[in-house]
Protein backbone atom coordinates (compact mmCIF):
# COMPACT_ATOMS: atom_id res chain seq x y z
CA UNK A 1 -14.96 -13.15 85.76
CA UNK A 2 -18.22 -13.04 87.41
CA UNK A 3 -21.22 -14.46 85.28
CA UNK A 4 -24.40 -12.32 85.41
CA UNK A 5 -27.73 -14.26 85.77
CA UNK A 6 -30.25 -12.52 83.31
CA UNK A 7 -33.77 -13.86 83.32
CA UNK A 8 -35.69 -13.32 80.13
CA UNK A 9 -38.92 -11.69 80.42
CA UNK A 10 -41.98 -13.62 79.31
CA UNK A 11 -44.57 -10.91 79.16
CA UNK A 12 -45.56 -7.34 79.96
CA UNK A 13 -45.51 -5.89 83.41
CA UNK A 14 -48.70 -4.64 85.15
CA UNK A 15 -47.44 -1.00 84.76
CA UNK A 16 -46.97 -1.51 81.14
CA UNK A 17 -50.42 -2.94 80.60
CA UNK A 18 -52.08 -0.09 82.82
CA UNK A 19 -50.37 2.28 80.58
CA UNK A 20 -51.61 0.81 77.23
CA UNK A 21 -55.11 0.59 78.73
CA UNK A 22 -55.12 4.28 79.83
CA UNK A 23 -53.90 5.46 76.16
CA UNK A 24 -56.65 3.27 74.55
CA UNK A 25 -59.18 4.61 76.68
CA UNK A 26 -58.07 8.30 76.18
CA UNK A 27 -58.16 7.68 72.19
CA UNK A 28 -61.75 6.16 72.67
CA UNK A 29 -62.72 9.03 74.48
CA UNK A 30 -61.51 11.29 72.04
CA UNK A 31 -62.91 9.57 68.98
CA UNK A 32 -66.36 9.28 70.71
CA UNK A 33 -66.87 12.90 71.71
CA UNK A 34 -65.32 14.37 68.53
CA UNK A 35 -67.81 11.84 66.64
CA UNK A 36 -70.75 13.03 68.66
CA UNK A 37 -70.28 16.83 67.72
CA UNK A 38 -69.70 15.68 64.02
CA UNK A 39 -73.37 13.99 64.11
CA UNK A 40 -74.67 17.43 65.88
CA UNK A 41 -73.07 19.52 63.14
CA UNK A 42 -74.73 17.12 60.32
CA UNK A 43 -78.15 17.79 62.28
CA UNK A 44 -77.53 21.41 62.53
CA UNK A 45 -76.97 21.39 58.47
CA UNK A 46 -80.06 19.47 58.18
CA UNK A 47 -82.12 22.10 60.08
CA UNK A 48 -80.51 25.04 58.44
CA UNK A 49 -81.45 23.76 55.05
CA UNK A 50 -84.88 23.18 56.55
CA UNK A 51 -85.38 26.82 57.65
CA UNK A 52 -83.72 28.34 54.72
CA UNK A 53 -85.45 26.17 51.93
CA UNK A 54 -87.80 23.39 52.72
CA UNK A 55 -89.80 25.77 55.15
CA UNK A 56 -90.44 28.61 52.54
CA UNK A 57 -90.68 26.38 49.84
CA UNK A 58 -93.67 24.49 51.41
CA UNK A 59 -95.22 27.89 52.54
CA UNK A 60 -94.99 29.14 49.08
CA UNK A 61 -96.44 25.91 47.47
CA UNK A 62 -99.34 26.14 49.92
CA UNK A 63 -99.75 29.80 48.79
CA UNK A 64 -99.69 29.05 45.17
CA UNK A 65 -102.11 26.02 45.52
CA UNK A 66 -104.71 27.97 47.91
CA UNK A 67 -103.97 31.55 47.16
CA UNK A 68 -103.57 32.93 50.40
CA UNK A 69 -101.38 32.18 53.79
CA UNK A 70 -104.59 32.57 55.84
CA UNK A 71 -105.47 29.28 57.82
CA UNK A 72 -102.21 27.77 57.05
CA UNK A 73 -101.27 24.85 59.38
CA UNK A 74 -98.44 22.76 60.27
CA UNK A 75 -100.06 19.88 58.36
CA UNK A 76 -100.14 22.00 55.19
CA UNK A 77 -96.77 22.90 55.46
CA UNK A 78 -95.69 19.14 56.05
CA UNK A 79 -98.16 18.06 53.20
CA UNK A 80 -96.09 20.63 50.82
CA UNK A 81 -92.82 18.88 51.73
CA UNK A 82 -91.43 19.96 54.81
CA UNK A 83 -90.66 17.21 57.52
CA UNK A 84 -92.79 17.08 60.70
CA UNK A 85 -89.79 16.83 63.16
CA UNK A 86 -86.62 18.33 63.69
CA UNK A 87 -83.41 16.25 62.98
CA UNK A 88 -83.28 15.48 66.84
CA UNK A 89 -86.88 13.98 66.69
CA UNK A 90 -88.57 17.14 68.31
CA UNK A 91 -91.85 18.41 66.76
CA UNK A 92 -91.77 22.19 65.67
CA UNK A 93 -94.86 24.21 65.63
CA UNK A 94 -95.95 27.09 63.46
CA UNK A 95 -98.38 29.90 64.60
CA UNK A 96 -100.07 32.69 62.58
CA UNK A 97 -100.24 34.07 60.13
CA UNK A 98 -100.25 37.45 61.61
CA UNK A 99 -99.65 40.49 59.15
CA UNK A 100 -98.71 37.60 56.55
CA UNK A 101 -96.13 36.53 58.75
CA UNK A 102 -95.61 32.99 60.44
CA UNK A 103 -93.73 32.16 63.77
CA UNK A 104 -91.99 28.88 63.52
CA UNK A 105 -90.67 27.58 67.01
CA UNK A 106 -88.08 25.05 66.99
CA UNK A 107 -87.24 23.08 70.12
CA UNK A 108 -83.58 22.09 70.41
CA UNK A 109 -84.05 20.32 73.92
CA UNK A 110 -83.07 16.96 72.32
CA UNK A 111 -79.77 18.32 70.99
CA UNK A 112 -76.84 17.07 73.08
CA UNK A 113 -75.26 20.82 72.52
CA UNK A 114 -78.58 22.74 72.53
CA UNK A 115 -77.15 26.12 73.34
CA UNK A 116 -74.25 25.55 70.82
CA UNK A 117 -76.51 24.56 68.38
CA UNK A 118 -78.84 27.20 69.00
CA UNK A 119 -76.39 30.26 68.45
CA UNK A 120 -74.75 28.40 65.53
CA UNK A 121 -77.93 28.09 63.90
CA UNK A 122 -78.74 31.80 64.69
CA UNK A 123 -75.54 33.03 63.29
CA UNK A 124 -75.47 30.91 60.17
CA UNK A 125 -79.10 31.99 59.20
CA UNK A 126 -78.40 35.66 59.78
CA UNK A 127 -75.26 35.35 57.60
CA UNK A 128 -77.38 33.63 55.07
CA UNK A 129 -79.47 36.86 54.66
CA UNK A 130 -82.69 35.05 53.96
CA UNK A 131 -84.96 37.76 52.68
CA UNK A 132 -88.12 35.90 54.06
CA UNK A 133 -86.74 35.74 57.67
CA UNK A 134 -87.79 38.78 59.36
CA UNK A 135 -86.15 37.83 62.88
CA UNK A 136 -84.53 34.80 64.64
CA UNK A 137 -83.60 34.34 68.36
CA UNK A 138 -82.44 31.47 70.51
CA UNK A 139 -83.87 31.34 74.11
CA UNK A 140 -81.41 29.10 76.25
CA UNK A 141 -83.82 28.70 78.96
CA UNK A 142 -86.60 27.06 76.80
CA UNK A 143 -83.90 25.74 74.32
CA UNK A 144 -86.36 26.90 71.79
CA UNK A 145 -85.00 28.58 68.37
CA UNK A 146 -87.79 31.17 67.27
CA UNK A 147 -88.08 32.45 63.51
CA UNK A 148 -90.71 35.20 62.32
CA UNK A 149 -91.00 34.30 58.40
CA UNK A 150 -92.55 36.57 56.09
CA UNK A 151 -95.32 34.40 54.13
CA UNK A 152 -96.15 36.61 51.31
């Protein structure tokens, strides 16, 4: 009978190491992109709360205190409880009033998924059927969300 000489392997082959590193890399990629979208969704929720709750409440507080919407500024709105910046760190603007309506412009340029975020916000705000919102639109060229809000 012939004896077979079997060597005991003392480690991993290069191919095995490459496969393991590839699998780990794919897992990390999947986790980081998924986590980034999760963070973006959280910021969308904060922005939706600002549009539907904080902004109208701050305008109403100003009107209750002053008695009119005339001459309202961003500073007045911020002083009545609204945050001065978006969750992405951009500064929103307000113009008006014209016929008791304010135009709120929210830049989404710093959002990693600006177009998705813009369309998500438009659809979720429309579905919320907020009575104070006269119109809402998203411009994918300027990356701005624009709302016309009834002030009083």
